[in-house]
Amino acid sequence: MNNDLESRRRKSYTQMRMIYDLTMAGLMIGMSFILFFGDKFGLDLIAGLDSLMRYGFGTLCLLYGGFRVYRGIKHNY
């Protein structure tokens, strides 16, 4: 009985971490697309930034979002 409870807790924790990782990945990838294409969407605040900083931070967000997707799919907690 104790083993079953521990198994359910571990499964629940893994599921919550997967949801968290995939949600954070979606936010980070979304932020990278806003940074990459902000000037095409008419976002003046994004278009006013230095292009090197905008594309550099967008690339970092995209890479980190990809890492979060990998971690969410891998389930290695």
PDB file of N, CA and C in Angstrom:
ATOM      1  N   MET A   1       0.819  -1.178   0.000  1.00  0.00           N
ATOM      2  CA  MET A   1       0.000   0.000   0.000  1.00  0.00           C
ATOM      3  C   MET A   1       0.876   1.261   0.000  1.00  0.00           C
ATOM      4  N   ASN A   2       1.917   1.265   0.782  1.00  0.00           N
ATOM      5  CA  ASN A   2       2.817   2.407   0.834  1.00  0.00           C
ATOM      6  C   ASN A   2       3.541   2.589  -0.494  1.00  0.00           C
ATOM      7  N   ASN A   3       3.887   1.471  -1.110  1.00  0.00           N
ATOM      8  CA  ASN A   3       4.541   1.506  -2.411  1.00  0.00           C
ATOM      9  C   ASN A   3       3.628   2.094  -3.475  1.00  0.00           C
ATOM     10  N   ASP A   4       2.338   1.758  -3.419  1.00  0.00           N
ATOM     11  CA  ASP A   4       1.362   2.276  -4.379  1.00  0.00           C
ATOM     12  C   ASP A   4       1.188   3.785  -4.221  1.00  0.00           C
ATOM     13  N   LEU A   5       1.142   4.246  -2.981  1.00  0.00           N
ATOM     14  CA  LEU A   5       1.007   5.674  -2.713  1.00  0.00           C
ATOM     15  C   LEU A   5       2.228   6.426  -3.230  1.00  0.00           C
ATOM     16  N   GLU A   6       3.405   5.898  -3.000  1.00  0.00           N
ATOM     17  CA  GLU A   6       4.633   6.525  -3.483  1.00  0.00           C
ATOM     18  C   GLU A   6       4.673   6.551  -5.009  1.00  0.00           C
ATOM     19  N   SER A   7       4.193   5.488  -5.631  1.00  0.00           N
ATOM     20  CA  SER A   7       4.148   5.427  -7.087  1.00  0.00           C
ATOM     21  C   SER A   7       3.206   6.485  -7.655  1.00  0.00           C
ATOM     22  N   ARG A   8       2.045   6.659  -7.038  1.00  0.00           N
ATOM     23  CA  ARG A   8       1.097   7.679  -7.497  1.00  0.00           C
ATOM     24  C   ARG A   8       1.646   9.085  -7.295  1.00  0.00           C
ATOM     25  N   ARG A   9       2.326   9.315  -6.178  1.00  0.00           N
ATOM     26  CA  ARG A   9       2.929  10.622  -5.939  1.00  0.00           C
ATOM     27  C   ARG A   9       3.994  10.939  -6.977  1.00  0.00           C
ATOM     28  N   ARG A  10       4.825   9.968  -7.254  1.00  0.00           N
ATOM     29  CA  ARG A  10       5.885  10.167  -8.245  1.00  0.00           C
ATOM     30  C   ARG A  10       5.294  10.439  -9.624  1.00  0.00           C
ATOM     31  N   LYS A  11       4.243   9.707  -9.984  1.00  0.00           N
ATOM     32  CA  LYS A  11       3.598   9.908 -11.280  1.00  0.00           C
ATOM     33  C   LYS A  11       2.951  11.292 -11.343  1.00  0.00           C
ATOM     34  N   SER A  12       2.314  11.707 -10.269  1.00  0.00           N
ATOM     35  CA  SER A  12       1.688  13.023 -10.221  1.00  0.00           C
ATOM     36  C   SER A  12       2.737  14.129 -10.327  1.00  0.00           C
ATOM     37  N   TYR A  13       3.847  13.979  -9.621  1.00  0.00           N
ATOM     38  CA  TYR A  13       4.931  14.955  -9.680  1.00  0.00           C
ATOM     39  C   TYR A  13       5.502  15.045 -11.091  1.00  0.00           C
ATOM     40  N   THR A  14       5.704  13.902 -11.721  1.00  0.00           N
ATOM     41  CA  THR A  14       6.247  13.878 -13.078  1.00  0.00           C
ATOM     42  C   THR A  14       5.289  14.556 -14.044  1.00  0.00           C
ATOM     43  N   GLN A  15       4.004  14.319 -13.892  1.00  0.00           N
ATOM     44  CA  GLN A  15       3.006  14.939 -14.763  1.00  0.00           C
ATOM     45  C   GLN A  15       2.979  16.458 -14.581  1.00  0.00           C
ATOM     46  N   MET A  16       3.041  16.920 -13.348  1.00  0.00           N
ATOM     47  CA  MET A  16       3.035  18.353 -13.093  1.00  0.00           C
ATOM     48  C   MET A  16       4.301  19.015 -13.636  1.00  0.00           C
ATOM     49  N   ARG A  17       5.439  18.367 -13.493  1.00  0.00           N
ATOM     50  CA  ARG A  17       6.678  18.929 -14.037  1.00  0.00           C
ATOM     51  C   ARG A  17       6.635  18.979 -15.556  1.00  0.00           C
ATOM     52  N   MET A  18       6.049  17.966 -16.180  1.00  0.00           N
ATOM     53  CA  MET A  18       5.939  17.959 -17.628  1.00  0.00           C
ATOM     54  C   MET A  18       5.061  19.114 -18.102  1.00  0.00           C
ATOM     55  N   ILE A  19       3.928  19.322 -17.430  1.00  0.00           N
ATOM     56  CA  ILE A  19       3.033  20.421 -17.793  1.00  0.00           C
ATOM     57  C   ILE A  19       3.742  21.757 -17.589  1.00  0.00           C
ATOM     58  N   TYR A  20       4.459  21.896 -16.488  1.00  0.00           N
ATOM     59  CA  TYR A  20       5.188  23.125 -16.199  1.00  0.00           C
ATOM     60  C   TYR A  20       6.261  23.382 -17.259  1.00  0.00           C
ATOM     61  N   ASP A  21       7.031  22.349 -17.588  1.00  0.00           N
ATOM     62  CA  ASP A  21       8.092  22.512 -18.578  1.00  0.00           C
ATOM     63  C   ASP A  21       7.535  22.885 -19.947  1.00  0.00           C
ATOM     64  N   LEU A  22       6.459  22.234 -20.367  1.00  0.00           N
ATOM     65  CA  LEU A  22       5.894  22.533 -21.678  1.00  0.00           C
ATOM     66  C   LEU A  22       5.242  23.913 -21.706  1.00  0.00           C
ATOM     67  N   THR A  23       4.643  24.341 -20.599  1.00  0.00           N
ATOM     68  CA  THR A  23       4.067  25.679 -20.535  1.00  0.00           C
ATOM     69  C   THR A  23       5.157  26.739 -20.601  1.00  0.00           C
ATOM     70  N   MET A  24       6.219  26.549 -19.847  1.00  0.00           N
ATOM     71  CA  MET A  24       7.334  27.495 -19.880  1.00  0.00           C
ATOM     72  C   MET A  24       7.998  27.508 -21.259  1.00  0.00           C
ATOM     73  N   ALA A  25       8.068  26.350 -21.904  1.00  0.00           N
ATOM     74  CA  ALA A  25       8.633  26.292 -23.255  1.00  0.00           C
ATOM     75  C   ALA A  25       7.776  27.100 -24.216  1.00  0.00           C
ATOM     76  N   GLY A  26       6.469  26.974 -24.098  1.00  0.00           N
ATOM     77  CA  GLY A  26       5.576  27.744 -24.964  1.00  0.00           C
ATOM     78  C   GLY A  26       5.735  29.240 -24.754  1.00  0.00           C
ATOM     79  N   LEU A  27       5.874  29.654 -23.499  1.00  0.00           N
ATOM     80  CA  LEU A  27       6.068  31.072 -23.211  1.00  0.00           C
ATOM     81  C   LEU A  27       7.403  31.580 -23.761  1.00  0.00           C
ATOM     82  N   MET A  28       8.457  30.805 -23.586  1.00  0.00           N
ATOM     83  CA  MET A  28       9.774  31.225 -24.062  1.00  0.00           C
ATOM     84  C   MET A  28       9.838  31.264 -25.592  1.00  0.00           C
ATOM     85  N   ILE A  29       9.264  30.270 -26.235  1.00  0.00           N
ATOM     86  CA  ILE A  29       9.256  30.263 -27.699  1.00  0.00           C
ATOM     87  C   ILE A  29       8.369  31.386 -28.226  1.00  0.00           C
ATOM     88  N   GLY A  30       7.254  31.640 -27.546  1.00  0.00           N
ATOM     89  CA  GLY A  30       6.400  32.764 -27.922  1.00  0.00           C
ATOM     90  C   GLY A  30       7.122  34.087 -27.781  1.00  0.00           C
ATOM     91  N   MET A  31       7.881  34.244 -26.715  1.00  0.00           N
ATOM     92  CA  MET A  31       8.653  35.467 -26.516  1.00  0.00           C
ATOM     93  C   MET A  31       9.713  35.627 -27.592  1.00  0.00           C
ATOM     94  N   SER A  32      10.316  34.532 -27.996  1.00  0.00           N
ATOM     95  CA  SER A  32      11.329  34.637 -29.054  1.00  0.00           C
ATOM     96  C   SER A  32      10.687  35.070 -30.371  1.00  0.00           C
ATOM     97  N   PHE A  33       9.496  34.573 -30.685  1.00  0.00           N
ATOM     98  CA  PHE A  33       8.822  34.991 -31.910  1.00  0.00           C
ATOM     99  C   PHE A  33       8.396  36.452 -31.841  1.00  0.00           C
ATOM    100  N   ILE A  34       8.000  36.911 -30.671  1.00  0.00           N
ATOM    101  CA  ILE A  34       7.668  38.333 -30.513  1.00  0.00           C
ATOM    102  C   ILE A  34       8.915  39.186 -30.729  1.00  0.00           C
ATOM    103  N   LEU A  35      10.050  38.732 -30.207  1.00  0.00           N
ATOM    104  CA  LEU A  35      11.284  39.483 -30.402  1.00  0.00           C
ATOM    105  C   LEU A  35      11.748  39.447 -31.859  1.00  0.00           C
ATOM    106  N   PHE A  36      11.602  38.308 -32.515  1.00  0.00           N
ATOM    107  CA  PHE A  36      12.029  38.202 -33.908  1.00  0.00           C
ATOM    108  C   PHE A  36      11.119  39.001 -34.847  1.00  0.00           C
ATOM    109  N   PHE A  37       9.808  38.908 -34.645  1.00  0.00           N
ATOM    110  CA  PHE A  37       8.858  39.490 -35.586  1.00  0.00           C
ATOM    111  C   PHE A  37       8.046  40.637 -34.994  1.00  0.00           C
ATOM    112  N   GLY A  38       8.537  41.263 -33.942  1.00  0.00           N
ATOM    113  CA  GLY A  38       7.822  42.353 -33.291  1.00  0.00           C
ATOM    114  C   GLY A  38       7.614  43.558 -34.180  1.00  0.00           C
ATOM    115  N   ASP A  39       8.588  43.836 -35.027  1.00  0.00           N
ATOM    116  CA  ASP A  39       8.438  44.978 -35.915  1.00  0.00           C
ATOM    117  C   ASP A  39       7.393  44.728 -36.996  1.00  0.00           C
ATOM    118  N   LYS A  40       7.204  43.485 -37.390  1.00  0.00           N
ATOM    119  CA  LYS A  40       6.185  43.143 -38.386  1.00  0.00           C
ATOM    120  C   LYS A  40       4.773  43.148 -37.794  1.00  0.00           C
ATOM    121  N   PHE A  41       4.688  42.931 -36.470  1.00  0.00           N
ATOM    122  CA  PHE A  41       3.392  42.983 -35.779  1.00  0.00           C
ATOM    123  C   PHE A  41       3.000  44.407 -35.403  1.00  0.00           C
ATOM    124  N   GLY A  42       3.900  45.344 -35.595  1.00  0.00           N
ATOM    125  CA  GLY A  42       3.625  46.726 -35.261  1.00  0.00           C
ATOM    126  C   GLY A  42       3.816  47.052 -33.789  1.00  0.00           C
ATOM    127  N   LEU A  43       4.633  46.300 -33.102  1.00  0.00           N
ATOM    128  CA  LEU A  43       4.924  46.576 -31.697  1.00  0.00           C
ATOM    129  C   LEU A  43       6.060  47.588 -31.627  1.00  0.00           C
ATOM    130  N   ASP A  44       5.726  48.823 -31.319  1.00  0.00           N
ATOM    131  CA  ASP A  44       6.726  49.890 -31.332  1.00  0.00           C
ATOM    132  C   ASP A  44       7.793  49.701 -30.261  1.00  0.00           C
ATOM    133  N   LEU A  45       7.414  49.154 -29.125  1.00  0.00           N
ATOM    134  CA  LEU A  45       8.383  48.951 -28.050  1.00  0.00           C
ATOM    135  C   LEU A  45       9.457  47.954 -28.467  1.00  0.00           C
ATOM    136  N   ILE A  46       9.058  46.898 -29.162  1.00  0.00           N
ATOM    137  CA  ILE A  46      10.012  45.882 -29.617  1.00  0.00           C
ATOM    138  C   ILE A  46      10.820  46.407 -30.789  1.00  0.00           C
ATOM    139  N   ALA A  47      10.175  47.119 -31.705  1.00  0.00           N
ATOM    140  CA  ALA A  47      10.867  47.630 -32.884  1.00  0.00           C
ATOM    141  C   ALA A  47      11.890  48.696 -32.512  1.00  0.00           C
ATOM    142  N   GLY A  48      11.715  49.363 -31.387  1.00  0.00           N
ATOM    143  CA  GLY A  48      12.638  50.404 -30.970  1.00  0.00           C
ATOM    144  C   GLY A  48      13.913  49.877 -30.337  1.00  0.00           C
ATOM    145  N   LEU A  49      13.970  48.601 -30.036  1.00  0.00           N
ATOM    146  CA  LEU A  49      15.176  48.031 -29.420  1.00  0.00           C
ATOM    147  C   LEU A  49      16.277  47.847 -30.454  1.00  0.00           C
ATOM    148  N   ASP A  50      17.493  47.763 -29.973  1.00  0.00           N
ATOM    149  CA  ASP A  50      18.625  47.481 -30.838  1.00  0.00           C
ATOM    150  C   ASP A  50      18.451  46.094 -31.449  1.00  0.00           C
ATOM    151  N   SER A  51      18.681  45.990 -32.749  1.00  0.00           N
ATOM    152  CA  SER A  51      18.410  44.711 -33.422  1.00  0.00           C
ATOM    153  C   SER A  51      19.339  43.598 -32.935  1.00  0.00           C
ATOM    154  N   LEU A  52      20.589  43.924 -32.616  1.00  0.00           N
ATOM    155  CA  LEU A  52      21.506  42.894 -32.114  1.00  0.00           C
ATOM    156  C   LEU A  52      21.022  42.341 -30.780  1.00  0.00           C
ATOM    157  N   MET A  53      20.583  43.213 -29.892  1.00  0.00           N
ATOM    158  CA  MET A  53      20.071  42.765 -28.595  1.00  0.00           C
ATOM    159  C   MET A  53      18.767  41.974 -28.773  1.00  0.00           C
ATOM    160  N   ARG A  54      17.917  42.448 -29.664  1.00  0.00           N
ATOM    161  CA  ARG A  54      16.623  41.793 -29.883  1.00  0.00           C
ATOM    162  C   ARG A  54      16.815  40.382 -30.436  1.00  0.00           C
ATOM    163  N   TYR A  55      17.639  40.261 -31.476  1.00  0.00           N
ATOM    164  CA  TYR A  55      17.855  38.938 -32.071  1.00  0.00           C
ATOM    165  C   TYR A  55      18.684  38.026 -31.163  1.00  0.00           C
ATOM    166  N   GLY A  56      19.607  38.598 -30.432  1.00  0.00           N
ATOM    167  CA  GLY A  56      20.405  37.790 -29.499  1.00  0.00           C
ATOM    168  C   GLY A  56      19.553  37.219 -28.379  1.00  0.00           C
ATOM    169  N   PHE A  57      18.735  38.080 -27.763  1.00  0.00           N
ATOM    170  CA  PHE A  57      17.874  37.583 -26.686  1.00  0.00           C
ATOM    171  C   PHE A  57      16.790  36.660 -27.234  1.00  0.00           C
ATOM    172  N   GLY A  58      16.307  36.924 -28.443  1.00  0.00           N
ATOM    173  CA  GLY A  58      15.335  36.030 -29.070  1.00  0.00           C
ATOM    174  C   GLY A  58      15.911  34.650 -29.317  1.00  0.00           C
ATOM    175  N   THR A  59      17.174  34.609 -29.717  1.00  0.00           N
ATOM    176  CA  THR A  59      17.846  33.322 -29.930  1.00  0.00           C
ATOM    177  C   THR A  59      18.009  32.566 -28.614  1.00  0.00           C
ATOM    178  N   LEU A  60      18.396  33.298 -27.564  1.00  0.00           N
ATOM    179  CA  LEU A  60      18.520  32.647 -26.250  1.00  0.00           C
ATOM    180  C   LEU A  60      17.178  32.104 -25.775  1.00  0.00           C
ATOM    181  N   CYS A  61      16.115  32.868 -25.959  1.00  0.00           N
ATOM    182  CA  CYS A  61      14.780  32.401 -25.569  1.00  0.00           C
ATOM    183  C   CYS A  61      14.373  31.170 -26.363  1.00  0.00           C
ATOM    184  N   LEU A  62      14.687  31.168 -27.652  1.00  0.00           N
ATOM    185  CA  LEU A  62      14.351  30.016 -28.488  1.00  0.00           C
ATOM    186  C   LEU A  62      15.121  28.773 -28.062  1.00  0.00           C
ATOM    187  N   LEU A  63      16.401  28.926 -27.764  1.00  0.00           N
ATOM    188  CA  LEU A  63      17.209  27.790 -27.313  1.00  0.00           C
ATOM    189  C   LEU A  63      16.724  27.263 -25.965  1.00  0.00           C
ATOM    190  N   TYR A  64      16.429  28.171 -25.036  1.00  0.00           N
ATOM    191  CA  TYR A  64      15.958  27.740 -23.724  1.00  0.00           C
ATOM    192  C   TYR A  64      14.572  27.100 -23.829  1.00  0.00           C
ATOM    193  N   GLY A  65      13.731  27.628 -24.701  1.00  0.00           N
ATOM    194  CA  GLY A  65      12.423  27.008 -24.922  1.00  0.00           C
ATOM    195  C   GLY A  65      12.558  25.606 -25.498  1.00  0.00           C
ATOM    196  N   GLY A  66      13.502  25.431 -26.412  1.00  0.00           N
ATOM    197  CA  GLY A  66      13.763  24.098 -26.961  1.00  0.00           C
ATOM    198  C   GLY A  66      14.263  23.133 -25.904  1.00  0.00           C
ATOM    199  N   PHE A  67      15.120  23.639 -25.007  1.00  0.00           N
ATOM    200  CA  PHE A  67      15.594  22.812 -23.899  1.00  0.00           C
ATOM    201  C   PHE A  67      14.439  22.390 -22.993  1.00  0.00           C
ATOM    202  N   ARG A  68      13.504  23.321 -22.717  1.00  0.00           N
ATOM    203  CA  ARG A  68      12.361  22.988 -21.865  1.00  0.00           C
ATOM    204  C   ARG A  68      11.450  21.965 -22.536  1.00  0.00           C
ATOM    205  N   VAL A  69      11.302  22.045 -23.857  1.00  0.00           N
ATOM    206  CA  VAL A  69      10.520  21.033 -24.576  1.00  0.00           C
ATOM    207  C   VAL A  69      11.195  19.679 -24.451  1.00  0.00           C
ATOM    208  N   TYR A  70      12.503  19.637 -24.657  1.00  0.00           N
ATOM    209  CA  TYR A  70      13.251  18.387 -24.533  1.00  0.00           C
ATOM    210  C   TYR A  70      13.096  17.801 -23.137  1.00  0.00           C
ATOM    211  N   ARG A  71      13.227  18.656 -22.120  1.00  0.00           N
ATOM    212  CA  ARG A  71      13.116  18.183 -20.741  1.00  0.00           C
ATOM    213  C   ARG A  71      11.706  17.704 -20.412  1.00  0.00           C
ATOM    214  N   GLY A  72      10.698  18.384 -20.976  1.00  0.00           N
ATOM    215  CA  GLY A  72       9.323  17.969 -20.740  1.00  0.00           C
ATOM    216  C   GLY A  72       8.988  16.641 -21.384  1.00  0.00           C
ATOM    217  N   ILE A  73       9.579  16.398 -22.542  1.00  0.00           N
ATOM    218  CA  ILE A  73       9.331  15.131 -23.251  1.00  0.00           C
ATOM    219  C   ILE A  73      10.144  13.999 -22.642  1.00  0.00           C
ATOM    220  N   LYS A  74      11.373  14.303 -22.220  1.00  0.00           N
ATOM    221  CA  LYS A  74      12.278  13.271 -21.696  1.00  0.00           C
ATOM    222  C   LYS A  74      11.827  12.700 -20.363  1.00  0.00           C
ATOM    223  N   HIS A  75      11.173  13.496 -19.504  1.00  0.00           N
ATOM    224  CA  HIS A  75      10.709  13.068 -18.156  1.00  0.00           C
ATOM    225  C   HIS A  75      11.851  12.589 -17.273  1.00  0.00           C
ATOM    226  N   ASN A  76      12.994  13.229 -17.348  1.00  0.00           N
ATOM    227  CA  ASN A  76      14.144  12.804 -16.555  1.00  0.00           C
ATOM    228  C   ASN A  76      14.245  13.681 -15.305  1.00  0.00           C
ATOM    229  N   TYR A  77      13.442  13.373 -14.284  1.00  0.00           N
ATOM    230  CA  TYR A  77      13.409  14.167 -13.049  1.00  0.00           C
ATOM    231  C   TYR A  77      13.973  13.374 -11.901  1.00  0.00           C
TER     232      TYR A  77
END
